[in-house]
Amino acid sequence: MRRREMLGLAALAALPERLRAAGAGPVAPTAEGLADAFTVPDWYRDAKLGLWAHWGPQCAPEAGDWYGRRMYLEAEEQSAIHRRLYGHPADTGFIDVIAGWRAEAWDPLAVFSAYKAAGARFLVAMACHHDNFDLFPNPHHEWNSVRLGPRRDIVGGWAAAARQLGLPFGVSNHASHAWHWWQTAYGYDTVGQRKGERYDAFRLTRADGVGKPWEGLDPQALYTGARMVPPDGLESPEAMRAWHDATSGQWSEDVPPDDFAFAAGWLARQTALVERYQPDFLYQDGHRLPFGAIGRIAAAHFYNAAIARTGSFSGVMTAGFTRGQGTLVTMERSGAAGIEPEPWQSATCIGDWHYNRARFQQRSYVPAAGIAALLADVVAKNGTLLLSVPVRGDGTLDGQERAILDALGSWMAREGEAAIYGSRPWRVFGEGESVRYTCKDALLNAIVLTPQAGPLRLAALAGGGVEAVRLANGRPLAFTADDAGLTVTLESGDIGDMPLVLRIAGRTAAPGQA
């Protein structure tokens, strides 16, 4: 038996009985059990588009991704923003960001209704980011949104909204990496008047909370404790950044060295999340299932809960891009080169994952046409798109985001119904950068990503067999078909800012094997 397997068995023996038994059920919590049971349910394959509220206290400053980690790196833009908004991180750290986060305008039904109107067929909310702050009342973790900050059950609000809207509900959990992600909070400035003075995580204890909003809470339970503390004497921001990149910046899915309790605590928190909200979809952020055997228990627990609730293998869990582990493959901010033999997911965002006001000011969001083109590409390759539309610190969507969602929703209501929802890949995914193919209702759909007035030739349809070509609105188009392909002429009145769907009938329309 390999040493890692022996260590895994020893680790499981150290778990409390309740957690060891959490994976019990028809799906066994083993590598073989997960791989043998895994399938992708039709509800997810047919949905094609999920929208995601990647929202938590790091959105409060409206300064973009990884605010919690980067505010403690003095050369980062978030560090300068933090010092301007809150003060020096030796005095006011991320716990103070949490304490000041109110989510005062948050209406989960309003946000999720906008997502649904934009075409989402499942809805996802973040339950805990790498910042280790649970967005629901977790009996296994005192740092949560009911105890501090909004003092509300954030996940519960999202779950109720999704179910009121009649859509599957999902959660994302990013907490397994908190143990190394937070180590920047134990650093210090390398230059300036406060050179060498350690940041708040290095010194704070439970006793320091007296008279503060976080009174009674242990800061080390949030920041996870000193593990990779930068040595004294680093002389530049670049040196500090390089030190962190080489240590705490290394992405690890292993149990933290000499801290099995962190992994066991993560499992307790994860199972509580599933048991409380019964999600249909679970996004576990990472490269693969975390913590070896502990991650496999978590996966089996999720799948078995869904089976108990629905009577079939209906849960969808993704845990990175590792294949063969019994979870859906996710490609983050990337996509597939061709048609994948198994369903997969692309996860991305219209801007930053966490809300960044600069995106609004610079008008740099991905426009609706870009989202529709991306969705067509993903679906043509046997995938589903999970798209984050960031929520402001106060809990609202900004005006540009709403306009993008409105435009996307108009397109999905007609073109999406014709060519996206419930579709399957054709024998080729497309032609160059201009066309993507899907099959639905015994028709072949050619999705023209950037349509232009004039003749359009589809070389993949060479050889004939086409009987009719129509737009998604039903209007027929004249066409010619020969050994060079299918040629249609697009009129300027049919061309807009969004991709154009051609519905093609004939013997060419049979779907591929995916």
Protein backbone atom coordinates (compact mmCIF):
# COMPACT_ATOMS: atom_id res chain seq x y z
CA MET A 1 0.00 0.00 0.00
CA ARG A 2 1.34 3.42 -0.94
CA ARG A 3 2.27 5.85 1.83
CA ARG A 4 -0.36 8.39 0.73
CA GLU A 5 -3.10 5.73 0.89
CA MET A 6 -1.94 4.69 4.37
CA LEU A 7 -2.02 8.29 5.51
CA GLY A 8 -5.50 8.63 4.05
CA LEU A 9 -6.79 5.65 6.02
CA ALA A 10 -5.21 6.99 9.18
CA ALA A 11 -6.83 10.35 8.56
CA LEU A 12 -10.27 8.81 8.13
CA ALA A 13 -9.84 6.92 11.39
CA ALA A 14 -9.21 10.25 13.10
CA LEU A 15 -12.51 11.72 11.91
CA PRO A 16 -15.47 11.79 14.30
CA GLU A 17 -17.90 8.98 13.59
CA ARG A 18 -20.56 11.39 12.32
CA LEU A 19 -18.22 12.68 9.64
CA ARG A 20 -16.90 9.23 8.72
CA ALA A 21 -20.49 8.16 8.13
CA ALA A 22 -21.43 11.29 6.16
CA GLY A 23 -20.65 9.63 2.85
CA ALA A 24 -22.81 6.57 3.48
CA GLY A 25 -25.36 5.77 0.80
CA PRO A 26 -25.69 4.33 -2.69
CA VAL A 27 -22.66 6.32 -3.90
CA ALA A 28 -19.62 5.02 -2.05
CA PRO A 29 -17.07 7.60 -0.79
CA THR A 30 -14.19 6.00 -2.67
CA ALA A 31 -12.43 6.83 -5.91
CA GLU A 32 -14.02 3.79 -7.57
CA GLY A 33 -17.45 4.42 -6.10
CA LEU A 34 -17.59 8.01 -7.28
CA ALA A 35 -16.28 7.23 -10.75
CA ASP A 36 -18.69 4.31 -11.22
CA ALA A 37 -21.78 6.25 -10.08
CA PHE A 38 -21.05 9.53 -11.82
CA THR A 39 -23.25 10.73 -14.62
CA VAL A 40 -24.47 14.14 -15.72
CA PRO A 41 -28.24 14.45 -15.31
CA ASP A 42 -30.35 15.70 -18.18
CA TRP A 43 -31.61 18.76 -16.30
CA TYR A 44 -28.09 20.14 -16.28
CA ARG A 45 -27.26 19.09 -19.84
CA ASP A 46 -30.41 20.81 -21.07
CA ALA A 47 -29.99 23.98 -18.98
CA LYS A 48 -26.86 25.21 -20.80
CA LEU A 49 -26.66 28.49 -18.85
CA GLY A 50 -26.33 29.13 -15.12
CA LEU A 51 -25.81 32.55 -13.56
CA TRP A 52 -23.78 32.98 -10.40
CA ALA A 53 -23.84 35.53 -7.59
CA HIS A 54 -20.17 35.36 -6.56
CA TRP A 55 -20.86 37.71 -3.65
CA GLY A 56 -19.45 38.16 -0.18
CA PRO A 57 -17.60 40.65 2.02
CA GLN A 58 -14.77 41.04 -0.50
CA CYS A 59 -17.31 42.86 -2.69
CA ALA A 60 -17.81 45.55 -0.03
CA PRO A 61 -14.84 47.72 -1.16
CA GLU A 62 -15.87 47.14 -4.81
CA ALA A 63 -12.21 46.69 -5.69
CA GLY A 64 -12.12 43.40 -7.56
CA ASP A 65 -10.73 39.93 -7.10
CA TRP A 66 -8.96 38.49 -4.08
CA TYR A 67 -9.28 41.70 -2.12
CA GLY A 68 -8.71 39.86 1.16
CA ARG A 69 -5.35 38.42 0.14
CA ARG A 70 -4.12 41.34 -1.93
CA MET A 71 -4.93 44.08 0.59
CA TYR A 72 -2.00 42.70 2.58
CA LEU A 73 0.45 42.94 -0.34
CA GLU A 74 1.65 46.54 -0.28
CA ALA A 75 2.35 46.84 -4.03
CA GLU A 76 -1.16 45.69 -5.00
CA GLU A 77 -3.86 48.17 -5.99
CA GLN A 78 -6.19 46.68 -3.37
CA SER A 79 -3.67 47.56 -0.66
CA ALA A 80 -3.75 51.23 -1.62
CA ILE A 81 -7.56 51.15 -1.79
CA HIS A 82 -7.78 49.53 1.63
CA ARG A 83 -5.53 52.14 3.24
CA ARG A 84 -7.64 54.89 1.72
CA LEU A 85 -11.00 53.39 2.71
CA TYR A 86 -10.23 51.64 5.99
CA GLY A 87 -6.73 52.45 7.20
CA HIS A 88 -3.43 50.61 7.57
CA PRO A 89 -3.83 46.81 7.65
CA ALA A 90 -1.87 46.61 10.88
CA ASP A 91 -4.73 48.57 12.46
CA THR A 92 -7.80 47.71 10.40
CA GLY A 93 -7.74 44.39 8.62
CA PHE A 94 -10.20 42.24 6.75
CA ILE A 95 -12.20 41.53 9.90
CA ASP A 96 -13.06 45.24 9.87
CA VAL A 97 -14.16 44.99 6.22
CA ILE A 98 -16.53 42.20 7.26
CA ALA A 99 -17.79 44.16 10.25
CA GLY A 100 -18.62 47.15 8.04
CA TRP A 101 -20.34 45.14 5.30
CA ARG A 102 -24.10 45.69 5.58
CA ALA A 103 -25.56 44.42 2.27
CA GLU A 104 -28.17 47.07 2.95
CA ALA A 105 -29.94 46.98 -0.43
CA TRP A 106 -29.77 43.22 -1.02
CA ASP A 107 -32.93 41.69 -2.44
CA PRO A 108 -32.09 38.13 -3.51
CA LEU A 109 -35.34 37.70 -5.40
CA ALA A 110 -34.70 40.86 -7.44
CA VAL A 111 -31.18 39.74 -8.41
CA PHE A 112 -32.14 36.17 -9.19
CA SER A 113 -35.21 37.35 -11.12
CA ALA A 114 -32.89 39.42 -13.32
CA TYR A 115 -30.70 36.35 -13.81
CA LYS A 116 -33.68 34.21 -14.76
CA ALA A 117 -34.99 36.84 -17.18
CA ALA A 118 -31.55 36.84 -18.82
CA GLY A 119 -31.97 33.16 -19.64
CA ALA A 120 -30.43 31.31 -16.69
CA ARG A 121 -31.82 27.82 -16.19
CA PHE A 122 -30.05 27.31 -12.84
CA LEU A 123 -28.91 29.80 -10.20
CA VAL A 124 -25.78 29.67 -8.05
CA ALA A 125 -24.65 31.60 -4.98
CA MET A 126 -21.36 31.65 -3.13
CA ALA A 127 -21.41 30.06 0.31
CA CYS A 128 -17.82 30.77 1.37
CA HIS A 129 -14.80 32.14 -0.48
CA HIS A 130 -11.11 31.66 0.28
CA ASP A 131 -11.66 34.40 2.88
CA ASN A 132 -13.10 31.69 5.17
CA PHE A 133 -16.26 33.65 5.99
CA ASP A 134 -19.38 31.47 5.79
CA LEU A 135 -22.39 33.20 4.29
CA PHE A 136 -24.84 31.18 6.35
CA PRO A 137 -25.23 30.19 10.01
CA ASN A 138 -22.77 27.32 10.31
CA PRO A 139 -22.65 25.52 13.67
CA HIS A 140 -19.08 24.49 12.90
CA HIS A 141 -17.68 27.94 12.13
CA GLU A 142 -18.28 31.06 14.18
CA TRP A 143 -17.18 33.49 11.45
CA ASN A 144 -20.40 33.73 9.46
CA SER A 145 -22.83 36.28 8.10
CA VAL A 146 -25.38 35.79 10.86
CA ARG A 147 -22.83 36.55 13.57
CA LEU A 148 -21.12 39.49 11.83
CA GLY A 149 -21.60 41.88 8.93
CA PRO A 150 -25.09 41.73 7.40
CA ARG A 151 -26.28 39.47 10.24
CA ARG A 152 -28.40 37.60 7.73
CA ASP A 153 -28.48 34.12 6.24
CA ILE A 154 -27.18 35.01 2.79
CA VAL A 155 -27.28 31.50 1.31
CA GLY A 156 -30.75 30.98 2.74
CA GLY A 157 -31.98 34.12 1.02
CA TRP A 158 -30.58 33.03 -2.32
CA ALA A 159 -31.98 29.49 -1.91
CA ALA A 160 -35.48 30.74 -1.15
CA ALA A 161 -35.37 33.07 -4.17
CA ALA A 162 -34.24 30.34 -6.56
CA ARG A 163 -36.97 27.99 -5.40
CA GLN A 164 -39.60 30.70 -5.61
CA LEU A 165 -38.51 31.16 -9.23
CA GLY A 166 -38.72 27.41 -9.88
CA LEU A 167 -35.07 26.91 -10.86
CA PRO A 168 -32.39 24.52 -9.60
CA PHE A 169 -30.19 26.07 -6.92
CA GLY A 170 -26.45 25.71 -6.50
CA VAL A 171 -23.75 26.83 -4.09
CA SER A 172 -20.02 27.36 -4.43
CA ASN A 173 -17.52 26.56 -1.69
CA HIS A 174 -13.96 27.92 -1.92
CA ALA A 175 -12.94 27.51 1.73
CA SER A 176 -10.58 24.55 1.37
CA HIS A 177 -7.79 26.93 0.34
CA ALA A 178 -8.18 29.44 3.17
CA TRP A 179 -5.31 27.90 5.14
CA HIS A 180 -2.66 29.09 2.69
CA TRP A 181 -4.56 31.94 0.98
CA TRP A 182 -4.71 33.99 4.19
CA GLN A 183 -1.00 33.94 4.98
CA THR A 184 -0.43 37.40 3.49
CA ALA A 185 -2.32 38.75 6.53
CA TYR A 186 0.66 37.71 8.70
CA GLY A 187 3.12 39.86 6.72
CA TYR A 188 4.27 43.45 7.02
CA ASP A 189 5.22 46.55 5.03
CA THR A 190 8.74 46.32 3.66
CA VAL A 191 9.12 50.06 3.14
CA GLY A 192 7.73 53.30 4.55
CA GLN A 193 7.01 54.68 7.98
CA ARG A 194 5.56 51.42 9.31
CA LYS A 195 8.21 49.15 7.84
CA GLY A 196 8.38 45.80 9.61
CA GLU A 197 5.15 46.23 11.60
CA ARG A 198 3.11 43.05 11.30
CA TYR A 199 -0.45 43.14 10.00
CA ASP A 200 -3.49 42.46 12.15
CA ALA A 201 -3.67 38.67 11.79
CA PHE A 202 -0.24 38.30 13.37
CA ARG A 203 -1.23 39.81 16.71
CA LEU A 204 -5.01 39.55 17.16
CA THR A 205 -6.63 37.14 19.61
CA ARG A 206 -10.15 36.64 20.87
CA ALA A 207 -9.43 38.97 23.78
CA ASP A 208 -8.79 41.86 21.38
CA GLY A 209 -12.43 41.82 20.28
CA VAL A 210 -13.84 43.29 23.50
CA GLY A 211 -16.03 46.25 22.58
CA LYS A 212 -15.75 45.56 18.84
CA PRO A 213 -18.34 44.16 16.41
CA TRP A 214 -16.51 40.83 16.39
CA GLU A 215 -16.43 40.50 20.17
CA GLY A 216 -16.38 36.85 21.19
CA LEU A 217 -14.87 35.64 17.92
CA ASP A 218 -11.33 34.35 17.51
CA PRO A 219 -9.52 36.12 14.63
CA GLN A 220 -7.25 33.11 14.19
CA ALA A 221 -10.31 31.01 13.32
CA LEU A 222 -10.86 33.34 10.36
CA TYR A 223 -7.26 33.89 9.28
CA THR A 224 -6.48 30.16 9.96
CA GLY A 225 -3.34 30.73 12.03
CA ALA A 226 0.29 31.49 11.26
CA ARG A 227 1.60 28.79 8.91
CA MET A 228 3.76 30.45 6.25
CA VAL A 229 4.78 33.64 8.00
CA PRO A 230 7.20 35.81 6.01
CA PRO A 231 10.57 36.10 7.73
CA ASP A 232 11.74 39.43 9.08
CA GLY A 233 14.00 41.52 6.91
CA LEU A 234 12.41 41.39 3.45
CA GLU A 235 13.42 44.71 1.90
CA SER A 236 10.95 45.40 -0.92
CA PRO A 237 7.34 44.82 -1.96
CA GLU A 238 8.69 42.69 -4.80
CA ALA A 239 10.60 40.50 -2.37
CA MET A 240 7.51 40.05 -0.21
CA ARG A 241 5.39 39.19 -3.21
CA ALA A 242 7.98 36.68 -4.45
CA TRP A 243 8.12 35.07 -1.01
CA HIS A 244 4.35 34.63 -0.91
CA ASP A 245 4.19 33.41 -4.51
CA ALA A 246 6.67 30.66 -3.64
CA THR A 247 4.90 29.62 -0.42
CA SER A 248 1.29 30.53 0.33
CA GLY A 249 0.60 31.25 -3.33
CA GLN A 250 1.11 27.62 -4.30
CA TRP A 251 -2.26 25.99 -4.94
CA SER A 252 -2.60 22.87 -2.81
CA GLU A 253 -5.43 20.36 -2.49
CA ASP A 254 -3.67 18.42 0.27
CA VAL A 255 -4.45 18.39 3.98
CA PRO A 256 -2.51 21.28 5.57
CA PRO A 257 0.75 20.06 7.10
CA ASP A 258 0.27 19.10 10.75
CA ASP A 259 -3.32 20.36 10.75
CA PHE A 260 -5.76 17.57 10.07
CA ALA A 261 -8.29 19.52 12.13
CA PHE A 262 -8.63 22.13 9.37
CA ALA A 263 -9.61 19.48 6.81
CA ALA A 264 -11.99 17.80 9.26
CA GLY A 265 -13.54 21.17 10.08
CA TRP A 266 -13.95 21.89 6.38
CA LEU A 267 -15.85 18.62 5.97
CA ALA A 268 -18.13 19.45 8.90
CA ARG A 269 -18.87 22.86 7.39
CA GLN A 270 -19.43 21.42 3.91
CA THR A 271 -21.84 18.73 5.07
CA ALA A 272 -23.75 21.31 7.11
CA LEU A 273 -24.09 23.46 3.97
CA VAL A 274 -25.56 20.58 1.96
CA GLU A 275 -27.86 19.38 4.73
CA ARG A 276 -29.24 22.85 5.41
CA TYR A 277 -29.90 23.96 1.82
CA GLN A 278 -30.10 20.74 -0.23
CA PRO A 279 -28.47 22.25 -3.34
CA ASP A 280 -28.88 20.72 -6.77
CA PHE A 281 -25.45 21.93 -7.89
CA LEU A 282 -22.16 22.22 -5.99
CA TYR A 283 -19.10 24.11 -7.23
CA GLN A 284 -16.04 23.10 -5.23
CA ASP A 285 -13.27 25.50 -6.18
CA GLY A 286 -9.94 23.83 -6.81
CA HIS A 287 -7.98 21.70 -9.22
CA ARG A 288 -9.49 18.47 -7.89
CA LEU A 289 -11.40 17.19 -4.88
CA PRO A 290 -9.69 18.58 -1.77
CA PHE A 291 -8.07 16.65 1.05
CA GLY A 292 -8.05 13.19 -0.53
CA ALA A 293 -10.43 10.82 1.23
CA ILE A 294 -12.13 13.70 3.04
CA GLY A 295 -13.07 15.30 -0.27
CA ARG A 296 -14.45 11.99 -1.49
CA ILE A 297 -16.69 11.79 1.59
CA ALA A 298 -17.96 15.30 0.81
CA ALA A 299 -18.72 14.35 -2.80
CA ALA A 300 -20.55 11.15 -1.84
CA HIS A 301 -22.48 13.04 0.83
CA PHE A 302 -23.68 15.59 -1.74
CA TYR A 303 -24.63 12.97 -4.33
CA ASN A 304 -26.41 10.78 -1.80
CA ALA A 305 -28.38 13.73 -0.43
CA ALA A 306 -29.61 14.48 -3.95
CA ILE A 307 -30.53 10.83 -4.54
CA ALA A 308 -32.47 10.74 -1.26
CA ARG A 309 -34.32 13.89 -2.25
CA THR A 310 -35.12 13.06 -5.89
CA GLY A 311 -34.82 9.29 -6.22
CA SER A 312 -32.11 9.46 -8.89
CA PHE A 313 -28.54 10.64 -9.47
CA SER A 314 -29.59 14.26 -9.93
CA GLY A 315 -26.83 16.26 -8.23
CA VAL A 316 -24.11 18.00 -10.22
CA MET A 317 -20.77 18.57 -8.50
CA THR A 318 -17.72 20.13 -10.05
CA ALA A 319 -14.29 20.12 -8.47
CA GLY A 320 -11.81 21.52 -10.96
CA PHE A 321 -10.46 20.13 -14.18
CA THR A 322 -9.32 16.68 -12.99
CA ARG A 323 -10.98 13.92 -14.98
CA GLY A 324 -12.10 10.54 -13.70
CA GLN A 325 -12.76 11.55 -10.09
CA GLY A 326 -16.54 11.40 -10.30
CA THR A 327 -17.17 15.12 -10.74
CA LEU A 328 -18.01 17.40 -13.65
CA VAL A 329 -14.92 18.85 -15.35
CA THR A 330 -14.78 22.65 -15.15
CA MET A 331 -12.54 24.87 -17.22
CA GLU A 332 -12.22 28.20 -15.43
CA ARG A 333 -11.95 31.24 -17.69
CA SER A 334 -11.18 28.91 -20.56
CA GLY A 335 -12.88 26.46 -22.88
CA ALA A 336 -12.50 23.32 -24.94
CA ALA A 337 -10.64 23.09 -28.22
CA GLY A 338 -13.27 20.81 -29.74
CA ILE A 339 -16.29 18.67 -28.92
CA GLU A 340 -15.67 16.93 -25.60
CA PRO A 341 -16.89 13.32 -25.37
CA GLU A 342 -18.45 14.01 -21.95
CA PRO A 343 -20.43 17.02 -20.73
CA TRP A 344 -18.27 19.71 -19.13
CA GLN A 345 -18.54 23.25 -17.82
CA SER A 346 -16.93 26.58 -18.59
CA ALA A 347 -16.93 28.97 -15.60
CA THR A 348 -16.21 32.62 -16.20
CA CYS A 349 -17.35 36.15 -15.43
CA ILE A 350 -18.41 39.29 -17.27
CA GLY A 351 -15.73 41.22 -15.36
CA ASP A 352 -13.97 40.40 -12.10
CA TRP A 353 -15.33 37.58 -9.93
CA HIS A 354 -15.77 40.03 -7.05
CA TYR A 355 -17.44 43.30 -7.92
CA ASN A 356 -15.05 45.92 -9.25
CA ARG A 357 -16.44 49.43 -9.66
CA ALA A 358 -13.63 50.25 -12.08
CA ARG A 359 -15.22 47.86 -14.59
CA PHE A 360 -18.37 49.98 -14.52
CA GLN A 361 -16.43 53.22 -14.80
CA GLN A 362 -14.33 51.92 -17.69
CA ARG A 363 -17.30 50.18 -19.34
CA SER A 364 -15.20 47.03 -19.62
CA TYR A 365 -17.77 44.32 -18.97
CA VAL A 366 -18.16 41.58 -21.57
CA PRO A 367 -21.16 42.73 -23.65
CA ALA A 368 -24.25 40.65 -24.27
CA ALA A 369 -23.08 39.76 -27.80
CA GLY A 370 -19.81 38.43 -26.38
CA ILE A 371 -21.66 36.34 -23.80
CA ALA A 372 -23.97 34.88 -26.45
CA ALA A 373 -21.00 34.02 -28.67
CA LEU A 374 -19.18 32.40 -25.77
CA LEU A 375 -22.28 30.43 -24.82
CA ALA A 376 -22.67 29.21 -28.40
CA ASP A 377 -19.05 28.06 -28.48
CA VAL A 378 -19.34 26.20 -25.16
CA VAL A 379 -22.63 24.53 -26.05
CA ALA A 380 -21.41 23.51 -29.52
CA LYS A 381 -18.59 21.65 -27.77
CA ASN A 382 -20.89 19.75 -25.38
CA GLY A 383 -20.54 22.17 -22.48
CA THR A 384 -22.60 24.34 -20.17
CA LEU A 385 -21.72 27.91 -19.22
CA LEU A 386 -21.65 29.07 -15.60
CA LEU A 387 -21.40 32.85 -15.70
CA SER A 388 -20.76 35.19 -12.79
CA VAL A 389 -22.51 38.55 -12.95
CA PRO A 390 -20.98 40.38 -9.98
CA VAL A 391 -23.14 41.92 -7.27
CA ARG A 392 -22.25 45.26 -5.70
CA GLY A 393 -21.29 45.49 -2.06
CA ASP A 394 -24.76 46.75 -1.15
CA GLY A 395 -26.38 43.73 -2.84
CA THR A 396 -27.56 45.27 -6.12
CA LEU A 397 -26.66 44.99 -9.79
CA ASP A 398 -25.38 48.11 -11.50
CA GLY A 399 -27.07 49.70 -14.52
CA GLN A 400 -24.65 48.33 -17.10
CA GLU A 401 -25.03 44.80 -15.76
CA ARG A 402 -28.81 45.10 -15.96
CA ALA A 403 -28.61 46.32 -19.55
CA ILE A 404 -26.36 43.38 -20.46
CA LEU A 405 -28.75 40.94 -18.78
CA ASP A 406 -31.73 42.50 -20.57
CA ALA A 407 -30.07 42.17 -23.98
CA LEU A 408 -28.99 38.60 -23.28
CA GLY A 409 -32.49 37.71 -22.12
CA SER A 410 -34.05 39.01 -25.32
CA TRP A 411 -31.67 36.88 -27.37
CA MET A 412 -32.16 33.77 -25.25
CA ALA A 413 -35.95 34.06 -25.44
CA ARG A 414 -35.85 33.32 -29.20
CA GLU A 415 -32.41 32.24 -30.39
CA GLY A 416 -31.65 30.45 -27.13
CA GLU A 417 -34.89 28.51 -27.31
CA ALA A 418 -34.10 27.56 -30.90
CA ALA A 419 -30.44 26.63 -30.64
CA ILE A 420 -29.18 26.51 -27.01
CA TYR A 421 -31.54 24.99 -24.45
CA GLY A 422 -31.80 21.22 -24.73
CA SER A 423 -29.48 21.08 -27.71
CA ARG A 424 -26.69 18.63 -28.41
CA PRO A 425 -23.46 18.93 -30.45
CA TRP A 426 -23.37 18.19 -34.16
CA ARG A 427 -20.60 16.18 -35.80
CA VAL A 428 -18.38 19.30 -35.94
CA PHE A 429 -18.56 22.22 -33.54
CA GLY A 430 -18.28 24.99 -36.11
CA GLU A 431 -16.38 26.76 -38.83
CA GLY A 432 -13.44 28.96 -37.90
CA GLU A 433 -14.28 31.84 -35.59
CA SER A 434 -17.58 32.66 -37.25
CA VAL A 435 -20.08 29.80 -36.91
CA ARG A 436 -21.05 27.27 -34.23
CA TYR A 437 -23.36 24.29 -34.72
CA THR A 438 -25.89 22.63 -32.42
CA CYS A 439 -28.75 20.16 -32.97
CA LYS A 440 -32.24 20.36 -31.54
CA ASP A 441 -35.71 19.18 -32.56
CA ALA A 442 -34.31 17.27 -35.57
CA LEU A 443 -32.87 20.52 -36.91
CA LEU A 444 -29.30 21.70 -37.33
CA ASN A 445 -28.64 25.17 -35.94
CA ALA A 446 -25.90 27.32 -37.43
CA ILE A 447 -25.17 30.12 -34.95
CA VAL A 448 -23.48 32.94 -36.84
CA LEU A 449 -21.44 34.72 -34.16
CA THR A 450 -20.82 38.03 -35.94
CA PRO A 451 -23.31 38.13 -38.82
CA GLN A 452 -22.86 40.46 -41.78
CA ALA A 453 -25.20 41.24 -44.63
CA GLY A 454 -24.45 39.32 -47.81
CA PRO A 455 -23.72 35.73 -48.82
CA LEU A 456 -22.68 33.24 -46.14
CA ARG A 457 -21.27 29.86 -47.10
CA LEU A 458 -21.26 26.93 -44.69
CA ALA A 459 -18.65 24.52 -46.01
CA ALA A 460 -19.49 21.84 -43.43
CA LEU A 461 -22.78 21.32 -45.30
CA ALA A 462 -21.17 20.44 -48.62
CA GLY A 463 -22.82 17.64 -50.53
CA GLY A 464 -26.48 18.60 -50.25
CA GLY A 465 -29.17 17.14 -48.06
CA VAL A 466 -30.55 20.51 -46.98
CA GLU A 467 -34.31 20.87 -47.37
CA ALA A 468 -35.05 24.24 -45.75
CA VAL A 469 -33.34 27.14 -43.95
CA ARG A 470 -35.17 29.50 -41.63
CA LEU A 471 -34.28 32.19 -39.13
CA ALA A 472 -35.18 31.65 -35.48
CA ASN A 473 -38.22 33.87 -36.03
CA GLY A 474 -39.45 31.40 -38.62
CA ARG A 475 -38.79 33.45 -41.75
CA PRO A 476 -37.53 31.21 -44.59
CA LEU A 477 -34.30 32.01 -46.40
CA ALA A 478 -33.43 31.20 -49.98
CA PHE A 479 -30.37 28.97 -50.28
CA THR A 480 -28.21 27.02 -52.66
CA ALA A 481 -26.44 23.80 -51.81
CA ASP A 482 -23.67 22.09 -53.75
CA ASP A 483 -20.35 20.37 -53.27
CA ALA A 484 -18.84 23.62 -51.95
CA GLY A 485 -21.38 23.95 -49.15
CA LEU A 486 -24.62 25.65 -48.24
CA THR A 487 -24.93 29.32 -49.22
CA VAL A 488 -27.54 31.72 -47.85
CA THR A 489 -27.81 35.48 -48.26
CA LEU A 490 -28.30 37.48 -45.06
CA GLU A 491 -30.20 40.73 -45.36
CA SER A 492 -29.29 43.84 -43.42
CA GLY A 493 -32.70 43.84 -41.75
CA ASP A 494 -31.88 40.48 -40.16
CA ILE A 495 -28.56 41.65 -38.75
CA GLY A 496 -28.18 43.11 -35.27
CA ASP A 497 -25.58 43.22 -32.53
CA MET A 498 -26.18 39.63 -31.44
CA PRO A 499 -25.41 36.26 -33.05
CA LEU A 500 -27.89 35.05 -35.65
CA VAL A 501 -29.39 31.54 -35.67
CA LEU A 502 -30.12 29.67 -38.89
CA ARG A 503 -32.35 26.59 -38.48
CA ILE A 504 -31.55 23.99 -41.15
CA ALA A 505 -33.75 21.03 -41.99
CA GLY A 506 -32.61 17.95 -43.86
CA ARG A 507 -30.68 14.75 -43.44
CA THR A 508 -27.59 16.68 -42.32
CA ALA A 509 -29.26 17.60 -39.04
CA ALA A 510 -28.61 14.42 -37.05
CA PRO A 511 -26.63 15.11 -33.84
CA GLY A 512 -23.20 13.68 -33.20
CA GLN A 513 -22.30 11.10 -30.57
CA ALA A 514 -21.62 13.36 -27.55
